[in-house]
Amino acid sequence: TYELIEKLPVSYLHVFPFSARKGTAAYHFDNKVDPKLIKERCAMMRELGKVKRKAFILANLNKKLEGIVQHKVDTKTGRLKAVTSNYLTVLINKGPGLGGKILDLIPEHCDSDMNVTGKIVEYL
């Protein structure tokens, strides 16, 4: 699975361990994977997810993208969030009436927590 995901052009991984539930066929499977190994594999996949996410962000920096501005202000930064057509979240400066607007923007910077900041280029 790791090698496959490593090769694919994915931008986000949602990693969680399998857990058998009573009433399902999987609950009775033999040869269960050791919980320690499950934790290790999940950690590896989460790290790969971070690498893939960072690569996706960096590939989109300084490119003009279309996005829609969300109505709520980001509580950590005080900026508005815009979500681009390829699902990149970009923090932009606040402005009156921007919530719900579609605009062109340029993602300019990615910090160590993978928060992307950018600027508005054009209102559509």
PDB file of N, CA and C in Angstrom:
ATOM      1  N   THR A   1       0.826  -1.193   0.000  1.00  0.00           N
ATOM      2  CA  THR A   1       0.000   0.000   0.000  1.00  0.00           C
ATOM      3  C   THR A   1       0.867   1.253   0.000  1.00  0.00           C
ATOM      4  N   TYR A   2       1.920   1.260   0.827  1.00  0.00           N
ATOM      5  CA  TYR A   2       2.796   2.424   0.928  1.00  0.00           C
ATOM      6  C   TYR A   2       3.393   2.777  -0.434  1.00  0.00           C
ATOM      7  N   GLU A   3       3.954   1.766  -1.108  1.00  0.00           N
ATOM      8  CA  GLU A   3       4.597   2.016  -2.406  1.00  0.00           C
ATOM      9  C   GLU A   3       3.591   2.503  -3.447  1.00  0.00           C
ATOM     10  N   LEU A   4       2.392   1.973  -3.415  1.00  0.00           N
ATOM     11  CA  LEU A   4       1.360   2.418  -4.351  1.00  0.00           C
ATOM     12  C   LEU A   4       1.012   3.884  -4.107  1.00  0.00           C
ATOM     13  N   ILE A   5       0.729   4.236  -2.864  1.00  0.00           N
ATOM     14  CA  ILE A   5       0.372   5.619  -2.531  1.00  0.00           C
ATOM     15  C   ILE A   5       1.530   6.559  -2.839  1.00  0.00           C
ATOM     16  N   GLU A   6       2.741   6.098  -2.596  1.00  0.00           N
ATOM     17  CA  GLU A   6       3.928   6.911  -2.870  1.00  0.00           C
ATOM     18  C   GLU A   6       3.999   7.302  -4.345  1.00  0.00           C
ATOM     19  N   LYS A   7       3.564   6.410  -5.227  1.00  0.00           N
ATOM     20  CA  LYS A   7       3.624   6.652  -6.673  1.00  0.00           C
ATOM     21  C   LYS A   7       2.440   7.470  -7.195  1.00  0.00           C
ATOM     22  N   LEU A   8       1.318   7.417  -6.494  1.00  0.00           N
ATOM     23  CA  LEU A   8       0.116   8.099  -6.975  1.00  0.00           C
ATOM     24  C   LEU A   8       0.173   9.605  -6.717  1.00  0.00           C
ATOM     25  N   PRO A   9      -0.455  10.398  -7.590  1.00  0.00           N
ATOM     26  CA  PRO A   9      -0.458  11.859  -7.404  1.00  0.00           C
ATOM     27  C   PRO A   9      -1.581  12.313  -6.462  1.00  0.00           C
ATOM     28  N   VAL A  10      -1.594  11.772  -5.248  1.00  0.00           N
ATOM     29  CA  VAL A  10      -2.617  12.163  -4.280  1.00  0.00           C
ATOM     30  C   VAL A  10      -2.127  13.352  -3.463  1.00  0.00           C
ATOM     31  N   SER A  11      -3.066  14.148  -2.973  1.00  0.00           N
ATOM     32  CA  SER A  11      -2.694  15.348  -2.217  1.00  0.00           C
ATOM     33  C   SER A  11      -3.099  15.271  -0.752  1.00  0.00           C
ATOM     34  N   TYR A  12      -3.849  14.239  -0.383  1.00  0.00           N
ATOM     35  CA  TYR A  12      -4.320  14.127   0.993  1.00  0.00           C
ATOM     36  C   TYR A  12      -4.590  12.665   1.315  1.00  0.00           C
ATOM     37  N   LEU A  13      -4.166  12.239   2.486  1.00  0.00           N
ATOM     38  CA  LEU A  13      -4.465  10.885   2.960  1.00  0.00           C
ATOM     39  C   LEU A  13      -5.234  10.967   4.270  1.00  0.00           C
ATOM     40  N   HIS A  14      -6.278  10.191   4.367  1.00  0.00           N
ATOM     41  CA  HIS A  14      -7.010  10.050   5.632  1.00  0.00           C
ATOM     42  C   HIS A  14      -6.657   8.660   6.152  1.00  0.00           C
ATOM     43  N   VAL A  15      -5.784   8.601   7.143  1.00  0.00           N
ATOM     44  CA  VAL A  15      -5.250   7.332   7.635  1.00  0.00           C
ATOM     45  C   VAL A  15      -5.914   6.976   8.960  1.00  0.00           C
ATOM     46  N   PHE A  16      -6.398   5.760   9.027  1.00  0.00           N
ATOM     47  CA  PHE A  16      -6.971   5.270  10.286  1.00  0.00           C
ATOM     48  C   PHE A  16      -6.813   3.752  10.309  1.00  0.00           C
ATOM     49  N   PRO A  17      -6.662   3.174  11.494  1.00  0.00           N
ATOM     50  CA  PRO A  17      -6.501   1.722  11.576  1.00  0.00           C
ATOM     51  C   PRO A  17      -7.832   1.005  11.410  1.00  0.00           C
ATOM     52  N   PHE A  18      -7.764  -0.183  10.847  1.00  0.00           N
ATOM     53  CA  PHE A  18      -8.941  -1.040  10.749  1.00  0.00           C
ATOM     54  C   PHE A  18      -9.304  -1.508  12.151  1.00  0.00           C
ATOM     55  N   SER A  19     -10.574  -1.529  12.445  1.00  0.00           N
ATOM     56  CA  SER A  19     -11.004  -2.138  13.705  1.00  0.00           C
ATOM     57  C   SER A  19     -12.231  -2.995  13.421  1.00  0.00           C
ATOM     58  N   ALA A  20     -12.106  -4.266  13.778  1.00  0.00           N
ATOM     59  CA  ALA A  20     -13.196  -5.214  13.528  1.00  0.00           C
ATOM     60  C   ALA A  20     -14.391  -4.867  14.412  1.00  0.00           C
ATOM     61  N   ARG A  21     -15.559  -4.955  13.856  1.00  0.00           N
ATOM     62  CA  ARG A  21     -16.791  -4.657  14.584  1.00  0.00           C
ATOM     63  C   ARG A  21     -17.622  -5.937  14.714  1.00  0.00           C
ATOM     64  N   LYS A  22     -18.178  -6.130  15.883  1.00  0.00           N
ATOM     65  CA  LYS A  22     -19.054  -7.293  16.079  1.00  0.00           C
ATOM     66  C   LYS A  22     -20.167  -7.253  15.038  1.00  0.00           C
ATOM     67  N   GLY A  23     -20.505  -8.444  14.558  1.00  0.00           N
ATOM     68  CA  GLY A  23     -21.571  -8.533  13.568  1.00  0.00           C
ATOM     69  C   GLY A  23     -21.067  -8.458  12.137  1.00  0.00           C
ATOM     70  N   THR A  24     -19.751  -8.249  11.947  1.00  0.00           N
ATOM     71  CA  THR A  24     -19.183  -8.219  10.595  1.00  0.00           C
ATOM     72  C   THR A  24     -18.322  -9.456  10.392  1.00  0.00           C
ATOM     73  N   ALA A  25     -18.131  -9.837   9.136  1.00  0.00           N
ATOM     74  CA  ALA A  25     -17.300 -11.001   8.827  1.00  0.00           C
ATOM     75  C   ALA A  25     -15.865 -10.793   9.309  1.00  0.00           C
ATOM     76  N   ALA A  26     -15.375  -9.579   9.205  1.00  0.00           N
ATOM     77  CA  ALA A  26     -13.991  -9.286   9.585  1.00  0.00           C
ATOM     78  C   ALA A  26     -13.739  -9.497  11.075  1.00  0.00           C
ATOM     79  N   TYR A  27     -14.766  -9.448  11.859  1.00  0.00           N
ATOM     80  CA  TYR A  27     -14.621  -9.632  13.307  1.00  0.00           C
ATOM     81  C   TYR A  27     -14.060 -11.025  13.624  1.00  0.00           C
ATOM     82  N   HIS A  28     -14.354 -11.989  12.767  1.00  0.00           N
ATOM     83  CA  HIS A  28     -13.947 -13.377  13.004  1.00  0.00           C
ATOM     84  C   HIS A  28     -12.703 -13.780  12.211  1.00  0.00           C
ATOM     85  N   PHE A  29     -12.057 -12.861  11.538  1.00  0.00           N
ATOM     86  CA  PHE A  29     -10.854 -13.194  10.768  1.00  0.00           C
ATOM     87  C   PHE A  29      -9.757 -13.727  11.680  1.00  0.00           C
ATOM     88  N   ASP A  30      -9.038 -14.719  11.171  1.00  0.00           N
ATOM     89  CA  ASP A  30      -7.836 -15.206  11.850  1.00  0.00           C
ATOM     90  C   ASP A  30      -6.665 -14.333  11.409  1.00  0.00           C
ATOM     91  N   ASN A  31      -5.514 -14.569  11.993  1.00  0.00           N
ATOM     92  CA  ASN A  31      -4.276 -13.867  11.604  1.00  0.00           C
ATOM     93  C   ASN A  31      -4.414 -12.355  11.717  1.00  0.00           C
ATOM     94  N   LYS A  32      -4.883 -11.904  12.835  1.00  0.00           N
ATOM     95  CA  LYS A  32      -5.011 -10.456  13.057  1.00  0.00           C
ATOM     96  C   LYS A  32      -3.624  -9.824  13.144  1.00  0.00           C
ATOM     97  N   VAL A  33      -3.508  -8.605  12.675  1.00  0.00           N
ATOM     98  CA  VAL A  33      -2.237  -7.874  12.692  1.00  0.00           C
ATOM     99  C   VAL A  33      -1.989  -7.352  14.105  1.00  0.00           C
ATOM    100  N   ASP A  34      -0.748  -7.471  14.536  1.00  0.00           N
ATOM    101  CA  ASP A  34      -0.345  -7.011  15.867  1.00  0.00           C
ATOM    102  C   ASP A  34      -0.629  -5.510  16.011  1.00  0.00           C
ATOM    103  N   PRO A  35      -1.258  -5.083  17.106  1.00  0.00           N
ATOM    104  CA  PRO A  35      -1.575  -3.663  17.308  1.00  0.00           C
ATOM    105  C   PRO A  35      -0.359  -2.733  17.214  1.00  0.00           C
ATOM    106  N   LYS A  36       0.806  -3.205  17.649  1.00  0.00           N
ATOM    107  CA  LYS A  36       2.023  -2.393  17.549  1.00  0.00           C
ATOM    108  C   LYS A  36       2.379  -2.148  16.079  1.00  0.00           C
ATOM    109  N   LEU A  37       2.258  -3.190  15.271  1.00  0.00           N
ATOM    110  CA  LEU A  37       2.542  -3.067  13.840  1.00  0.00           C
ATOM    111  C   LEU A  37       1.521  -2.144  13.174  1.00  0.00           C
ATOM    112  N   ILE A  38       0.276  -2.239  13.591  1.00  0.00           N
ATOM    113  CA  ILE A  38      -0.764  -1.352  13.056  1.00  0.00           C
ATOM    114  C   ILE A  38      -0.396   0.104  13.326  1.00  0.00           C
ATOM    115  N   LYS A  39       0.029   0.389  14.557  1.00  0.00           N
ATOM    116  CA  LYS A  39       0.429   1.758  14.920  1.00  0.00           C
ATOM    117  C   LYS A  39       1.595   2.242  14.065  1.00  0.00           C
ATOM    118  N   GLU A  40       2.590   1.373  13.882  1.00  0.00           N
ATOM    119  CA  GLU A  40       3.765   1.732  13.077  1.00  0.00           C
ATOM    120  C   GLU A  40       3.369   2.029  11.631  1.00  0.00           C
ATOM    121  N   ARG A  41       2.533   1.186  11.073  1.00  0.00           N
ATOM    122  CA  ARG A  41       2.104   1.377   9.681  1.00  0.00           C
ATOM    123  C   ARG A  41       1.275   2.650   9.525  1.00  0.00           C
ATOM    124  N   CYS A  42       0.414   2.909  10.478  1.00  0.00           N
ATOM    125  CA  CYS A  42      -0.377   4.148  10.429  1.00  0.00           C
ATOM    126  C   CYS A  42       0.535   5.366  10.500  1.00  0.00           C
ATOM    127  N   ALA A  43       1.537   5.309  11.364  1.00  0.00           N
ATOM    128  CA  ALA A  43       2.481   6.425  11.482  1.00  0.00           C
ATOM    129  C   ALA A  43       3.227   6.641  10.169  1.00  0.00           C
ATOM    130  N   MET A  44       3.645   5.553   9.536  1.00  0.00           N
ATOM    131  CA  MET A  44       4.336   5.663   8.242  1.00  0.00           C
ATOM    132  C   MET A  44       3.430   6.300   7.192  1.00  0.00           C
ATOM    133  N   MET A  45       2.175   5.862   7.149  1.00  0.00           N
ATOM    134  CA  MET A  45       1.246   6.393   6.154  1.00  0.00           C
ATOM    135  C   MET A  45       0.916   7.857   6.434  1.00  0.00           C
ATOM    136  N   ARG A  46       0.799   8.213   7.705  1.00  0.00           N
ATOM    137  CA  ARG A  46       0.534   9.621   8.035  1.00  0.00           C
ATOM    138  C   ARG A  46       1.708  10.499   7.615  1.00  0.00           C
ATOM    139  N   GLU A  47       2.916  10.014   7.828  1.00  0.00           N
ATOM    140  CA  GLU A  47       4.098  10.776   7.414  1.00  0.00           C
ATOM    141  C   GLU A  47       4.131  10.913   5.892  1.00  0.00           C
ATOM    142  N   LEU A  48       3.820   9.844   5.189  1.00  0.00           N
ATOM    143  CA  LEU A  48       3.739   9.908   3.725  1.00  0.00           C
ATOM    144  C   LEU A  48       2.671  10.910   3.306  1.00  0.00           C
ATOM    145  N   GLY A  49       1.564  10.935   4.022  1.00  0.00           N
ATOM    146  CA  GLY A  49       0.506  11.902   3.734  1.00  0.00           C
ATOM    147  C   GLY A  49       1.001  13.332   3.854  1.00  0.00           C
ATOM    148  N   LYS A  50       1.820  13.599   4.864  1.00  0.00           N
ATOM    149  CA  LYS A  50       2.389  14.945   5.032  1.00  0.00           C
ATOM    150  C   LYS A  50       3.307  15.295   3.871  1.00  0.00           C
ATOM    151  N   VAL A  51       4.113  14.333   3.456  1.00  0.00           N
ATOM    152  CA  VAL A  51       5.032  14.557   2.330  1.00  0.00           C
ATOM    153  C   VAL A  51       4.245  14.846   1.057  1.00  0.00           C
ATOM    154  N   LYS A  52       3.210  14.049   0.800  1.00  0.00           N
ATOM    155  CA  LYS A  52       2.393  14.244  -0.401  1.00  0.00           C
ATOM    156  C   LYS A  52       1.656  15.587  -0.357  1.00  0.00           C
ATOM    157  N   ARG A  53       1.151  15.955   0.816  1.00  0.00           N
ATOM    158  CA  ARG A  53       0.440  17.230   0.963  1.00  0.00           C
ATOM    159  C   ARG A  53       1.380  18.396   0.695  1.00  0.00           C
ATOM    160  N   LYS A  54       2.580  18.331   1.272  1.00  0.00           N
ATOM    161  CA  LYS A  54       3.564  19.401   1.086  1.00  0.00           C
ATOM    162  C   LYS A  54       3.927  19.532  -0.400  1.00  0.00           C
ATOM    163  N   ALA A  55       4.130  18.411  -1.073  1.00  0.00           N
ATOM    164  CA  ALA A  55       4.457  18.442  -2.502  1.00  0.00           C
ATOM    165  C   ALA A  55       3.326  19.081  -3.303  1.00  0.00           C
ATOM    166  N   PHE A  56       2.090  18.753  -2.966  1.00  0.00           N
ATOM    167  CA  PHE A  56       0.932  19.334  -3.645  1.00  0.00           C
ATOM    168  C   PHE A  56       0.887  20.844  -3.437  1.00  0.00           C
ATOM    169  N   ILE A  57       1.098  21.268  -2.208  1.00  0.00           N
ATOM    170  CA  ILE A  57       1.081  22.703  -1.907  1.00  0.00           C
ATOM    171  C   ILE A  57       2.177  23.414  -2.684  1.00  0.00           C
ATOM    172  N   LEU A  58       3.398  22.889  -2.611  1.00  0.00           N
ATOM    173  CA  LEU A  58       4.526  23.537  -3.289  1.00  0.00           C
ATOM    174  C   LEU A  58       4.313  23.604  -4.801  1.00  0.00           C
ATOM    175  N   ALA A  59       3.682  22.587  -5.366  1.00  0.00           N
ATOM    176  CA  ALA A  59       3.413  22.578  -6.809  1.00  0.00           C
ATOM    177  C   ALA A  59       2.401  23.650  -7.208  1.00  0.00           C
ATOM    178  N   ASN A  60       1.617  24.131  -6.247  1.00  0.00           N
ATOM    179  CA  ASN A  60       0.591  25.133  -6.542  1.00  0.00           C
ATOM    180  C   ASN A  60       0.963  26.549  -6.127  1.00  0.00           C
ATOM    181  N   LEU A  61       2.101  26.720  -5.460  1.00  0.00           N
ATOM    182  CA  LEU A  61       2.512  28.068  -5.065  1.00  0.00           C
ATOM    183  C   LEU A  61       2.792  28.919  -6.295  1.00  0.00           C
ATOM    184  N   ASN A  62       2.414  30.168  -6.220  1.00  0.00           N
ATOM    185  CA  ASN A  62       2.647  31.170  -7.266  1.00  0.00           C
ATOM    186  C   ASN A  62       1.922  30.868  -8.579  1.00  0.00           C
ATOM    187  N   LYS A  63       0.881  30.054  -8.511  1.00  0.00           N
ATOM    188  CA  LYS A  63       0.027  29.792  -9.671  1.00  0.00           C
ATOM    189  C   LYS A  63      -1.321  30.460  -9.431  1.00  0.00           C
ATOM    190  N   LYS A  64      -1.900  30.994 -10.482  1.00  0.00           N
ATOM    191  CA  LYS A  64      -3.229  31.599 -10.353  1.00  0.00           C
ATOM    192  C   LYS A  64      -4.270  30.489 -10.294  1.00  0.00           C
ATOM    193  N   LEU A  65      -5.069  30.505  -9.219  1.00  0.00           N
ATOM    194  CA  LEU A  65      -6.107  29.501  -9.015  1.00  0.00           C
ATOM    195  C   LEU A  65      -7.436  30.183  -8.731  1.00  0.00           C
ATOM    196  N   GLU A  66      -8.510  29.546  -9.131  1.00  0.00           N
ATOM    197  CA  GLU A  66      -9.842  30.054  -8.808  1.00  0.00           C
ATOM    198  C   GLU A  66     -10.270  29.458  -7.475  1.00  0.00           C
ATOM    199  N   GLY A  67     -10.880  30.286  -6.646  1.00  0.00           N
ATOM    200  CA  GLY A  67     -11.333  29.802  -5.346  1.00  0.00           C
ATOM    201  C   GLY A  67     -12.596  30.495  -4.894  1.00  0.00           C
ATOM    202  N   ILE A  68     -13.222  29.916  -3.886  1.00  0.00           N
ATOM    203  CA  ILE A  68     -14.405  30.517  -3.276  1.00  0.00           C
ATOM    204  C   ILE A  68     -14.069  30.835  -1.821  1.00  0.00           C
ATOM    205  N   VAL A  69     -14.466  32.013  -1.386  1.00  0.00           N
ATOM    206  CA  VAL A  69     -14.145  32.482  -0.043  1.00  0.00           C
ATOM    207  C   VAL A  69     -15.207  31.991   0.935  1.00  0.00           C
ATOM    208  N   GLN A  70     -14.753  31.400   2.023  1.00  0.00           N
ATOM    209  CA  GLN A  70     -15.672  30.969   3.073  1.00  0.00           C
ATOM    210  C   GLN A  70     -16.112  32.178   3.890  1.00  0.00           C
ATOM    211  N   HIS A  71     -17.215  32.035   4.589  1.00  0.00           N
ATOM    212  CA  HIS A  71     -17.774  33.151   5.357  1.00  0.00           C
ATOM    213  C   HIS A  71     -17.101  33.352   6.703  1.00  0.00           C
ATOM    214  N   LYS A  72     -16.582  32.296   7.305  1.00  0.00           N
ATOM    215  CA  LYS A  72     -15.987  32.405   8.637  1.00  0.00           C
ATOM    216  C   LYS A  72     -14.519  32.798   8.561  1.00  0.00           C
ATOM    217  N   VAL A  73     -14.102  33.600   9.529  1.00  0.00           N
ATOM    218  CA  VAL A  73     -12.698  34.008   9.651  1.00  0.00           C
ATOM    219  C   VAL A  73     -11.938  32.899  10.370  1.00  0.00           C
ATOM    220  N   ASP A  74     -10.726  32.602   9.926  1.00  0.00           N
ATOM    221  CA  ASP A  74      -9.863  31.630  10.588  1.00  0.00           C
ATOM    222  C   ASP A  74      -9.481  32.163  11.961  1.00  0.00           C
ATOM    223  N   THR A  75      -9.786  31.421  13.003  1.00  0.00           N
ATOM    224  CA  THR A  75      -9.578  31.918  14.370  1.00  0.00           C
ATOM    225  C   THR A  75      -8.104  32.069  14.733  1.00  0.00           C
ATOM    226  N   LYS A  76      -7.235  31.279  14.132  1.00  0.00           N
ATOM    227  CA  LYS A  76      -5.802  31.358  14.456  1.00  0.00           C
ATOM    228  C   LYS A  76      -5.126  32.564  13.819  1.00  0.00           C
ATOM    229  N   THR A  77      -5.557  32.920  12.611  1.00  0.00           N
ATOM    230  CA  THR A  77      -4.846  33.960  11.857  1.00  0.00           C
ATOM    231  C   THR A  77      -5.645  35.244  11.678  1.00  0.00           C
ATOM    232  N   GLY A  78      -6.958  35.172  11.863  1.00  0.00           N
ATOM    233  CA  GLY A  78      -7.791  36.339  11.615  1.00  0.00           C
ATOM    234  C   GLY A  78      -8.016  36.602  10.138  1.00  0.00           C
ATOM    235  N   ARG A  79      -7.628  35.665   9.304  1.00  0.00           N
ATOM    236  CA  ARG A  79      -7.802  35.805   7.857  1.00  0.00           C
ATOM    237  C   ARG A  79      -8.991  34.978   7.388  1.00  0.00           C
ATOM    238  N   LEU A  80      -9.402  35.239   6.166  1.00  0.00           N
ATOM    239  CA  LEU A  80     -10.449  34.440   5.540  1.00  0.00           C
ATOM    240  C   LEU A  80      -9.820  33.243   4.841  1.00  0.00           C
ATOM    241  N   LYS A  81     -10.596  32.168   4.746  1.00  0.00           N
ATOM    242  CA  LYS A  81     -10.154  30.986   4.015  1.00  0.00           C
ATOM    243  C   LYS A  81     -10.836  30.974   2.658  1.00  0.00           C
ATOM    244  N   ALA A  82     -10.049  30.715   1.640  1.00  0.00           N
ATOM    245  CA  ALA A  82     -10.595  30.483   0.309  1.00  0.00           C
ATOM    246  C   ALA A  82     -10.212  29.063  -0.077  1.00  0.00           C
ATOM    247  N   VAL A  83     -11.139  28.330  -0.665  1.00  0.00           N
ATOM    248  CA  VAL A  83     -10.873  26.968  -1.102  1.00  0.00           C
ATOM    249  C   VAL A  83     -10.841  26.974  -2.623  1.00  0.00           C
ATOM    250  N   THR A  84      -9.722  26.541  -3.182  1.00  0.00           N
ATOM    251  CA  THR A  84      -9.541  26.578  -4.630  1.00  0.00           C
ATOM    252  C   THR A  84     -10.254  25.408  -5.303  1.00  0.00           C
ATOM    253  N   SER A  85     -10.319  25.467  -6.612  1.00  0.00           N
ATOM    254  CA  SER A  85     -11.000  24.424  -7.376  1.00  0.00           C
ATOM    255  C   SER A  85     -10.306  23.068  -7.256  1.00  0.00           C
ATOM    256  N   ASN A  86      -9.039  23.051  -6.811  1.00  0.00           N
ATOM    257  CA  ASN A  86      -8.358  21.776  -6.572  1.00  0.00           C
ATOM    258  C   ASN A  86      -8.219  21.487  -5.072  1.00  0.00           C
ATOM    259  N   TYR A  87      -9.054  22.136  -4.273  1.00  0.00           N
ATOM    260  CA  TYR A  87      -9.207  21.889  -2.832  1.00  0.00           C
ATOM    261  C   TYR A  87      -8.015  22.320  -1.979  1.00  0.00           C
ATOM    262  N   LEU A  88      -7.290  23.302  -2.426  1.00  0.00           N
ATOM    263  CA  LEU A  88      -6.229  23.892  -1.612  1.00  0.00           C
ATOM    264  C   LEU A  88      -6.852  25.030  -0.808  1.00  0.00           C
ATOM    265  N   THR A  89      -6.646  25.018   0.502  1.00  0.00           N
ATOM    266  CA  THR A  89      -7.153  26.097   1.348  1.00  0.00           C
ATOM    267  C   THR A  89      -6.088  27.178   1.433  1.00  0.00           C
ATOM    268  N   VAL A  90      -6.472  28.403   1.090  1.00  0.00           N
ATOM    269  CA  VAL A  90      -5.545  29.534   1.081  1.00  0.00           C
ATOM    270  C   VAL A  90      -6.097  30.622   1.994  1.00  0.00           C
ATOM    271  N   LEU A  91      -5.271  31.083   2.911  1.00  0.00           N
ATOM    272  CA  LEU A  91      -5.655  32.177   3.807  1.00  0.00           C
ATOM    273  C   LEU A  91      -5.396  33.499   3.104  1.00  0.00           C
ATOM    274  N   ILE A  92      -6.414  34.362   3.087  1.00  0.00           N
ATOM    275  CA  ILE A  92      -6.289  35.665   2.429  1.00  0.00           C
ATOM    276  C   ILE A  92      -6.701  36.764   3.408  1.00  0.00           C
ATOM    277  N   ASN A  93      -6.288  37.981   3.114  1.00  0.00           N
ATOM    278  CA  ASN A  93      -6.674  39.112   3.960  1.00  0.00           C
ATOM    279  C   ASN A  93      -8.177  39.327   3.890  1.00  0.00           C
ATOM    280  N   LYS A  94      -8.728  39.773   5.016  1.00  0.00           N
ATOM    281  CA  LYS A  94     -10.168  40.043   5.090  1.00  0.00           C
ATOM    282  C   LYS A  94     -10.523  41.261   4.244  1.00  0.00           C
ATOM    283  N   GLY A  95     -11.747  41.267   3.808  1.00  0.00           N
ATOM    284  CA  GLY A  95     -12.289  42.401   3.077  1.00  0.00           C
ATOM    285  C   GLY A  95     -13.797  42.365   3.180  1.00  0.00           C
ATOM    286  N   PRO A  96     -14.449  43.494   3.047  1.00  0.00           N
ATOM    287  CA  PRO A  96     -15.906  43.524   3.184  1.00  0.00           C
ATOM    288  C   PRO A  96     -16.600  42.739   2.073  1.00  0.00           C
ATOM    289  N   GLY A  97     -17.549  41.914   2.476  1.00  0.00           N
ATOM    290  CA  GLY A  97     -18.376  41.204   1.509  1.00  0.00           C
ATOM    291  C   GLY A  97     -17.688  40.117   0.717  1.00  0.00           C
ATOM    292  N   LEU A  98     -16.561  39.601   1.183  1.00  0.00           N
ATOM    293  CA  LEU A  98     -15.852  38.574   0.415  1.00  0.00           C
ATOM    294  C   LEU A  98     -16.447  37.177   0.585  1.00  0.00           C
ATOM    295  N   GLY A  99     -17.113  36.916   1.709  1.00  0.00           N
ATOM    296  CA  GLY A  99     -17.671  35.594   1.956  1.00  0.00           C
ATOM    297  C   GLY A  99     -18.589  35.145   0.835  1.00  0.00           C
ATOM    298  N   GLY A 100     -18.328  33.960   0.300  1.00  0.00           N
ATOM    299  CA  GLY A 100     -19.141  33.412  -0.780  1.00  0.00           C
ATOM    300  C   GLY A 100     -18.729  33.855  -2.169  1.00  0.00           C
ATOM    301  N   LYS A 101     -17.786  34.773  -2.267  1.00  0.00           N
ATOM    302  CA  LYS A 101     -17.347  35.280  -3.578  1.00  0.00           C
ATOM    303  C   LYS A 101     -16.372  34.307  -4.234  1.00  0.00           C
ATOM    304  N   ILE A 102     -16.437  34.256  -5.548  1.00  0.00           N
ATOM    305  CA  ILE A 102     -15.484  33.487  -6.340  1.00  0.00           C
ATOM    306  C   ILE A 102     -14.448  34.464  -6.860  1.00  0.00           C
ATOM    307  N   LEU A 103     -13.175  34.055  -6.763  1.00  0.00           N
ATOM    308  CA  LEU A 103     -12.104  34.957  -7.180  1.00  0.00           C
ATOM    309  C   LEU A 103     -10.891  34.172  -7.643  1.00  0.00           C
ATOM    310  N   ASP A 104     -10.009  34.862  -8.334  1.00  0.00           N
ATOM    311  CA  ASP A 104      -8.706  34.304  -8.674  1.00  0.00           C
ATOM    312  C   ASP A 104      -7.739  34.731  -7.589  1.00  0.00           C
ATOM    313  N   LEU A 105      -6.908  33.802  -7.177  1.00  0.00           N
ATOM    314  CA  LEU A 105      -5.925  34.119  -6.152  1.00  0.00           C
ATOM    315  C   LEU A 105      -4.620  33.407  -6.457  1.00  0.00           C
ATOM    316  N   ILE A 106      -3.573  33.847  -5.787  1.00  0.00           N
ATOM    317  CA  ILE A 106      -2.266  33.217  -5.935  1.00  0.00           C
ATOM    318  C   ILE A 106      -1.774  32.791  -4.558  1.00  0.00           C
ATOM    319  N   PRO A 107      -1.610  31.478  -4.330  1.00  0.00           N
ATOM    320  CA  PRO A 107      -0.991  31.020  -3.095  1.00  0.00           C
ATOM    321  C   PRO A 107       0.492  31.397  -3.137  1.00  0.00           C
ATOM    322  N   GLU A 108       0.954  32.090  -2.104  1.00  0.00           N
ATOM    323  CA  GLU A 108       2.324  32.608  -2.142  1.00  0.00           C
ATOM    324  C   GLU A 108       3.283  31.954  -1.155  1.00  0.00           C
ATOM    325  N   HIS A 109       2.767  31.481  -0.034  1.00  0.00           N
ATOM    326  CA  HIS A 109       3.666  30.991   1.014  1.00  0.00           C
ATOM    327  C   HIS A 109       3.035  29.822   1.761  1.00  0.00           C
ATOM    328  N   CYS A 110       3.870  28.890   2.166  1.00  0.00           N
ATOM    329  CA  CYS A 110       3.439  27.760   2.986  1.00  0.00           C
ATOM    330  C   CYS A 110       4.330  27.714   4.216  1.00  0.00           C
ATOM    331  N   ASP A 111       3.723  27.753   5.407  1.00  0.00           N
ATOM    332  CA  ASP A 111       4.532  27.722   6.628  1.00  0.00           C
ATOM    333  C   ASP A 111       4.802  26.277   7.064  1.00  0.00           C
ATOM    334  N   SER A 112       5.491  26.114   8.173  1.00  0.00           N
ATOM    335  CA  SER A 112       5.886  24.780   8.636  1.00  0.00           C
ATOM    336  C   SER A 112       4.692  23.912   9.043  1.00  0.00           C
ATOM    337  N   ASP A 113       3.552  24.525   9.318  1.00  0.00           N
ATOM    338  CA  ASP A 113       2.332  23.774   9.643  1.00  0.00           C
ATOM    339  C   ASP A 113       1.463  23.535   8.415  1.00  0.00           C
ATOM    340  N   MET A 114       1.987  23.853   7.246  1.00  0.00           N
ATOM    341  CA  MET A 114       1.316  23.713   5.960  1.00  0.00           C
ATOM    342  C   MET A 114       0.108  24.623   5.811  1.00  0.00           C
ATOM    343  N   ASN A 115       0.126  25.759   6.483  1.00  0.00           N
ATOM    344  CA  ASN A 115      -0.872  26.801   6.252  1.00  0.00           C
ATOM    345  C   ASN A 115      -0.412  27.615   5.051  1.00  0.00           C
ATOM    346  N   VAL A 116      -1.297  27.799   4.107  1.00  0.00           N
ATOM    347  CA  VAL A 116      -0.956  28.511   2.876  1.00  0.00           C
ATOM    348  C   VAL A 116      -1.575  29.899   2.916  1.00  0.00           C
ATOM    349  N   THR A 117      -0.774  30.907   2.636  1.00  0.00           N
ATOM    350  CA  THR A 117      -1.275  32.275   2.533  1.00  0.00           C
ATOM    351  C   THR A 117      -1.116  32.738   1.096  1.00  0.00           C
ATOM    352  N   GLY A 118      -1.999  33.632   0.704  1.00  0.00           N
ATOM    353  CA  GLY A 118      -1.949  34.109  -0.663  1.00  0.00           C
ATOM    354  C   GLY A 118      -2.610  35.456  -0.815  1.00  0.00           C
ATOM    355  N   LYS A 119      -2.680  35.887  -2.062  1.00  0.00           N
ATOM    356  CA  LYS A 119      -3.277  37.191  -2.351  1.00  0.00           C
ATOM    357  C   LYS A 119      -4.350  37.054  -3.423  1.00  0.00           C
ATOM    358  N   ILE A 120      -5.291  37.973  -3.364  1.00  0.00           N
ATOM    359  CA  ILE A 120      -6.353  38.043  -4.362  1.00  0.00           C
ATOM    360  C   ILE A 120      -5.801  38.721  -5.603  1.00  0.00           C
ATOM    361  N   VAL A 121      -6.092  38.131  -6.759  1.00  0.00           N
ATOM    362  CA  VAL A 121      -5.651  38.703  -8.027  1.00  0.00           C
ATOM    363  C   VAL A 121      -6.808  39.407  -8.721  1.00  0.00           C
ATOM    364  N   GLU A 122      -7.972  38.738  -8.721  1.00  0.00           N
ATOM    365  CA  GLU A 122      -9.113  39.284  -9.455  1.00  0.00           C
ATOM    366  C   GLU A 122     -10.414  38.742  -8.869  1.00  0.00           C
ATOM    367  N   TYR A 123     -11.410  39.603  -8.789  1.00  0.00           N
ATOM    368  CA  TYR A 123     -12.748  39.191  -8.360  1.00  0.00           C
ATOM    369  C   TYR A 123     -13.521  38.743  -9.589  1.00  0.00           C
ATOM    370  N   LEU A 124     -14.161  37.600  -9.521  1.00  0.00           N
ATOM    371  CA  LEU A 124     -14.905  37.077 -10.675  1.00  0.00           C
ATOM    372  C   LEU A 124     -16.393  37.303 -10.504  1.00  0.00           C
TER     373      LEU A 124
END
